[in-house]
Amino acid sequence: MENKEKKTVGKIIVDTYGGKIDVIEVNGEALIERQIRQLHEAGITDITVMVGYMKEKFRYLVDKFGVTVVDNDDYHRYNNGY
């Protein structure tokens, strides 16, 4: 059996402005959805999305794309995916 190492291919960062988060859209498609779709098209299906502030806005990605969503419970302390 081959020992496969998991690698981080990239990060999708969604910024917040004034305590409000919006899903950014380009040509009517949410940017995060487009990036996940493009990863799937490239054969990358093991995708983890780290969420913090307003994390409930991204839960639908689990059902729609089969990604893993991980809570960053310390987002308020570090403001990033430490």
C-alpha atoms as a PDB file:
ATOM      1  CA  MET A   1       0.000   0.000   0.000  1.00  0.00           C
ATOM      2  CA  GLU A   2       1.258   3.402  -0.994  1.00  0.00           C
ATOM      3  CA  ASN A   3       1.792   6.053   1.691  1.00  0.00           C
ATOM      4  CA  LYS A   4       0.069   9.152   0.311  1.00  0.00           C
ATOM      5  CA  GLU A   5       0.816  12.456   1.962  1.00  0.00           C
ATOM      6  CA  LYS A   6      -1.952  15.050   2.038  1.00  0.00           C
ATOM      7  CA  LYS A   7      -0.942  18.424   0.681  1.00  0.00           C
ATOM      8  CA  THR A   8      -2.598  21.802   0.839  1.00  0.00           C
ATOM      9  CA  VAL A   9      -3.193  22.873  -2.732  1.00  0.00           C
ATOM     10  CA  GLY A  10      -4.464  26.344  -1.955  1.00  0.00           C
ATOM     11  CA  LYS A  11      -6.570  28.498   0.281  1.00  0.00           C
ATOM     12  CA  ILE A  12      -9.852  30.194  -0.395  1.00  0.00           C
ATOM     13  CA  ILE A  13     -10.128  33.259   1.808  1.00  0.00           C
ATOM     14  CA  VAL A  14     -13.427  35.021   2.332  1.00  0.00           C
ATOM     15  CA  ASP A  15     -12.993  38.358   4.082  1.00  0.00           C
ATOM     16  CA  THR A  16     -15.485  40.089   6.323  1.00  0.00           C
ATOM     17  CA  TYR A  17     -16.326  43.775   6.206  1.00  0.00           C
ATOM     18  CA  GLY A  18     -17.954  45.608   9.066  1.00  0.00           C
ATOM     19  CA  GLY A  19     -18.985  42.383  10.801  1.00  0.00           C
ATOM     20  CA  LYS A  20     -20.963  41.230   7.755  1.00  0.00           C
ATOM     21  CA  ILE A  21     -20.007  38.455   5.387  1.00  0.00           C
ATOM     22  CA  ASP A  22     -21.294  38.038   1.872  1.00  0.00           C
ATOM     23  CA  VAL A  23     -20.715  35.202  -0.521  1.00  0.00           C
ATOM     24  CA  ILE A  24     -18.798  36.814  -3.363  1.00  0.00           C
ATOM     25  CA  GLU A  25     -20.290  36.117  -6.802  1.00  0.00           C
ATOM     26  CA  VAL A  26     -18.741  36.325 -10.256  1.00  0.00           C
ATOM     27  CA  ASN A  27     -21.084  36.019 -13.249  1.00  0.00           C
ATOM     28  CA  GLY A  28     -23.859  34.766 -10.976  1.00  0.00           C
ATOM     29  CA  GLU A  29     -21.774  31.992  -9.403  1.00  0.00           C
ATOM     30  CA  ALA A  30     -20.444  32.091  -5.847  1.00  0.00           C
ATOM     31  CA  LEU A  31     -16.653  32.340  -5.995  1.00  0.00           C
ATOM     32  CA  ILE A  32     -16.151  29.570  -3.448  1.00  0.00           C
ATOM     33  CA  GLU A  33     -18.463  27.285  -5.455  1.00  0.00           C
ATOM     34  CA  ARG A  34     -16.579  28.052  -8.653  1.00  0.00           C
ATOM     35  CA  GLN A  35     -13.256  27.226  -7.034  1.00  0.00           C
ATOM     36  CA  ILE A  36     -14.580  23.960  -5.603  1.00  0.00           C
ATOM     37  CA  ARG A  37     -16.075  23.024  -8.983  1.00  0.00           C
ATOM     38  CA  GLN A  38     -12.771  23.746 -10.718  1.00  0.00           C
ATOM     39  CA  LEU A  39     -10.903  21.606  -8.186  1.00  0.00           C
ATOM     40  CA  HIS A  40     -13.365  18.768  -8.858  1.00  0.00           C
ATOM     41  CA  GLU A  41     -12.839  19.177 -12.617  1.00  0.00           C
ATOM     42  CA  ALA A  42      -9.081  18.867 -12.018  1.00  0.00           C
ATOM     43  CA  GLY A  43      -9.653  15.599 -10.130  1.00  0.00           C
ATOM     44  CA  ILE A  44      -9.245  17.055  -6.637  1.00  0.00           C
ATOM     45  CA  THR A  45     -12.142  15.882  -4.495  1.00  0.00           C
ATOM     46  CA  ASP A  46     -10.672  15.824  -0.974  1.00  0.00           C
ATOM     47  CA  ILE A  47     -11.432  19.444  -0.075  1.00  0.00           C
ATOM     48  CA  THR A  48     -11.579  20.958   3.404  1.00  0.00           C
ATOM     49  CA  VAL A  49     -13.075  24.397   4.029  1.00  0.00           C
ATOM     50  CA  MET A  50     -12.174  26.055   7.336  1.00  0.00           C
ATOM     51  CA  VAL A  51     -14.897  28.333   8.680  1.00  0.00           C
ATOM     52  CA  GLY A  52     -15.144  30.711  11.586  1.00  0.00           C
ATOM     53  CA  TYR A  53     -17.243  33.856  11.676  1.00  0.00           C
ATOM     54  CA  MET A  54     -20.760  33.222  10.317  1.00  0.00           C
ATOM     55  CA  LYS A  55     -19.821  29.621   9.597  1.00  0.00           C
ATOM     56  CA  GLU A  56     -23.450  28.622   9.074  1.00  0.00           C
ATOM     57  CA  LYS A  57     -23.375  30.421   5.690  1.00  0.00           C
ATOM     58  CA  PHE A  58     -21.020  27.725   4.368  1.00  0.00           C
ATOM     59  CA  ARG A  59     -22.610  24.522   5.718  1.00  0.00           C
ATOM     60  CA  TYR A  60     -24.505  23.981   2.461  1.00  0.00           C
ATOM     61  CA  LEU A  61     -21.175  23.202   0.744  1.00  0.00           C
ATOM     62  CA  VAL A  62     -21.112  19.793   2.465  1.00  0.00           C
ATOM     63  CA  ASP A  63     -24.315  18.639   0.752  1.00  0.00           C
ATOM     64  CA  LYS A  64     -23.776  20.444  -2.530  1.00  0.00           C
ATOM     65  CA  PHE A  65     -20.119  19.515  -3.142  1.00  0.00           C
ATOM     66  CA  GLY A  66     -19.198  16.822  -0.611  1.00  0.00           C
ATOM     67  CA  VAL A  67     -16.479  18.947   0.992  1.00  0.00           C
ATOM     68  CA  THR A  68     -15.441  18.726   4.622  1.00  0.00           C
ATOM     69  CA  VAL A  69     -16.181  21.826   6.702  1.00  0.00           C
ATOM     70  CA  VAL A  70     -14.000  22.368   9.778  1.00  0.00           C
ATOM     71  CA  ASP A  71     -14.832  24.888  12.490  1.00  0.00           C
ATOM     72  CA  ASN A  72     -12.078  27.246  13.604  1.00  0.00           C
ATOM     73  CA  ASP A  73     -13.409  27.942  17.081  1.00  0.00           C
ATOM     74  CA  ASP A  74     -10.553  30.387  17.746  1.00  0.00           C
ATOM     75  CA  TYR A  75     -11.269  32.609  14.739  1.00  0.00           C
ATOM     76  CA  HIS A  76     -12.063  35.503  17.079  1.00  0.00           C
ATOM     77  CA  ARG A  77      -8.577  35.211  18.654  1.00  0.00           C
ATOM     78  CA  TYR A  78      -6.399  34.601  15.606  1.00  0.00           C
ATOM     79  CA  ASN A  79      -8.541  35.867  12.697  1.00  0.00           C
ATOM     80  CA  ASN A  80      -7.027  33.208  10.431  1.00  0.00           C
ATOM     81  CA  GLY A  81      -6.540  29.489   9.952  1.00  0.00           C
ATOM     82  CA  TYR A  82      -3.586  29.198  12.317  1.00  0.00           C
END
